[in-house]
C-alpha cells in the first residue's frame, strides 16, 4: 500500500472511527515525544493517565455502542 492509498483509506473512515484512532494513538505519541526530549515515560504510565481523562462525547457514544453490541 502506498501513501495515496493510506490517505484514501483514512478519508473513507467515519468521523467516529478517526476520533477513536486518534485517541488511542495519544499514549504512544506522547511517549515518543517525551523520549525525544530525553525525558522518557512508559506508554503504560501515559495510558493510565489517559484512562483518568474523560474522552470526547462522540468517542464515549462510540465506546458505549460497541460495548452493548458485544
C-alpha atoms as a PDB file:
ATOM      1  CA  UNK A   1       0.000   0.000   0.000  1.00  0.00           C
ATOM      2  CA  UNK A   2       1.412   3.385  -0.905  1.00  0.00           C
ATOM      3  CA  UNK A   3       0.802   6.675   0.833  1.00  0.00           C
ATOM      4  CA  UNK A   4      -2.036   7.680  -1.523  1.00  0.00           C
ATOM      5  CA  UNK A   5      -3.966   4.518  -0.679  1.00  0.00           C
ATOM      6  CA  UNK A   6      -3.381   5.167   3.025  1.00  0.00           C
ATOM      7  CA  UNK A   7      -4.758   8.693   2.656  1.00  0.00           C
ATOM      8  CA  UNK A   8      -7.815   7.436   0.780  1.00  0.00           C
ATOM      9  CA  UNK A   9      -8.464   4.806   3.441  1.00  0.00           C
ATOM     10  CA  UNK A  10      -8.231   7.435   6.175  1.00  0.00           C
ATOM     11  CA  UNK A  11     -10.587   9.779   4.328  1.00  0.00           C
ATOM     12  CA  UNK A  12     -13.116   6.971   3.887  1.00  0.00           C
ATOM     13  CA  UNK A  13     -13.335   6.320   7.634  1.00  0.00           C
ATOM     14  CA  UNK A  14     -16.316   7.709   9.549  1.00  0.00           C
ATOM     15  CA  UNK A  15     -15.513  10.625  11.884  1.00  0.00           C
ATOM     16  CA  UNK A  16     -16.118   8.498  14.990  1.00  0.00           C
ATOM     17  CA  UNK A  17     -13.522   5.929  13.910  1.00  0.00           C
ATOM     18  CA  UNK A  18     -10.986   8.661  13.125  1.00  0.00           C
ATOM     19  CA  UNK A  19     -11.515  10.120  16.588  1.00  0.00           C
ATOM     20  CA  UNK A  20     -11.097   6.703  18.190  1.00  0.00           C
ATOM     21  CA  UNK A  21      -7.842   6.063  16.331  1.00  0.00           C
ATOM     22  CA  UNK A  22      -6.511   9.488  17.299  1.00  0.00           C
ATOM     23  CA  UNK A  23      -7.469   8.930  20.953  1.00  0.00           C
ATOM     24  CA  UNK A  24      -5.782   5.516  21.010  1.00  0.00           C
ATOM     25  CA  UNK A  25      -2.608   6.980  19.469  1.00  0.00           C
ATOM     26  CA  UNK A  26      -2.107   9.575  22.222  1.00  0.00           C
ATOM     27  CA  UNK A  27      -0.062   7.398  24.644  1.00  0.00           C
ATOM     28  CA  UNK A  28       2.480   6.329  22.024  1.00  0.00           C
ATOM     29  CA  UNK A  29       2.711   9.838  20.566  1.00  0.00           C
ATOM     30  CA  UNK A  30       3.361  11.359  23.998  1.00  0.00           C
ATOM     31  CA  UNK A  31       5.870   8.640  24.943  1.00  0.00           C
ATOM     32  CA  UNK A  32       7.814   9.204  21.728  1.00  0.00           C
ATOM     33  CA  UNK A  33       7.763  12.957  22.220  1.00  0.00           C
ATOM     34  CA  UNK A  34       8.972  12.673  25.814  1.00  0.00           C
ATOM     35  CA  UNK A  35      11.746  10.268  24.785  1.00  0.00           C
ATOM     36  CA  UNK A  36      12.845  12.714  22.108  1.00  0.00           C
ATOM     37  CA  UNK A  37      13.157  15.359  24.815  1.00  0.00           C
ATOM     38  CA  UNK A  38      15.275  12.896  26.859  1.00  0.00           C
ATOM     39  CA  UNK A  39      12.561  12.537  29.475  1.00  0.00           C
ATOM     40  CA  UNK A  40      11.278   9.006  28.766  1.00  0.00           C
ATOM     41  CA  UNK A  41       7.946   7.931  30.210  1.00  0.00           C
ATOM     42  CA  UNK A  42       6.473   4.464  29.733  1.00  0.00           C
ATOM     43  CA  UNK A  43       3.471   4.074  27.456  1.00  0.00           C
ATOM     44  CA  UNK A  44       1.680   2.236  30.262  1.00  0.00           C
ATOM     45  CA  UNK A  45       2.038   5.251  32.551  1.00  0.00           C
ATOM     46  CA  UNK A  46       0.562   7.516  29.914  1.00  0.00           C
ATOM     47  CA  UNK A  47      -2.276   5.052  29.253  1.00  0.00           C
ATOM     48  CA  UNK A  48      -3.067   5.128  32.975  1.00  0.00           C
ATOM     49  CA  UNK A  49      -3.244   8.911  32.937  1.00  0.00           C
ATOM     50  CA  UNK A  50      -5.347   8.902  29.769  1.00  0.00           C
ATOM     51  CA  UNK A  51      -7.751   6.417  31.373  1.00  0.00           C
ATOM     52  CA  UNK A  52      -8.496   9.038  34.035  1.00  0.00           C
ATOM     53  CA  UNK A  53      -9.408  11.643  31.427  1.00  0.00           C
ATOM     54  CA  UNK A  54     -12.944  11.753  30.131  1.00  0.00           C
ATOM     55  CA  UNK A  55     -12.951  11.013  26.395  1.00  0.00           C
ATOM     56  CA  UNK A  56     -14.723  13.332  23.948  1.00  0.00           C
ATOM     57  CA  UNK A  57     -18.510  12.918  23.881  1.00  0.00           C
ATOM     58  CA  UNK A  58     -18.553  11.437  20.392  1.00  0.00           C
ATOM     59  CA  UNK A  59     -15.992   8.819  21.449  1.00  0.00           C
ATOM     60  CA  UNK A  60     -17.949   7.951  24.599  1.00  0.00           C
ATOM     61  CA  UNK A  61     -21.013   7.229  22.440  1.00  0.00           C
ATOM     62  CA  UNK A  62     -18.937   5.017  20.135  1.00  0.00           C
ATOM     63  CA  UNK A  63     -17.428   3.084  23.033  1.00  0.00           C
ATOM     64  CA  UNK A  64     -20.833   2.658  24.679  1.00  0.00           C
ATOM     65  CA  UNK A  65     -22.433   1.358  21.492  1.00  0.00           C
ATOM     66  CA  UNK A  66     -19.595  -1.103  20.886  1.00  0.00           C
ATOM     67  CA  UNK A  67     -19.872  -2.358  24.475  1.00  0.00           C
ATOM     68  CA  UNK A  68     -23.579  -3.068  24.113  1.00  0.00           C
ATOM     69  CA  UNK A  69     -23.037  -4.780  20.753  1.00  0.00           C
ATOM     70  CA  UNK A  70     -20.576  -7.263  22.300  1.00  0.00           C
END
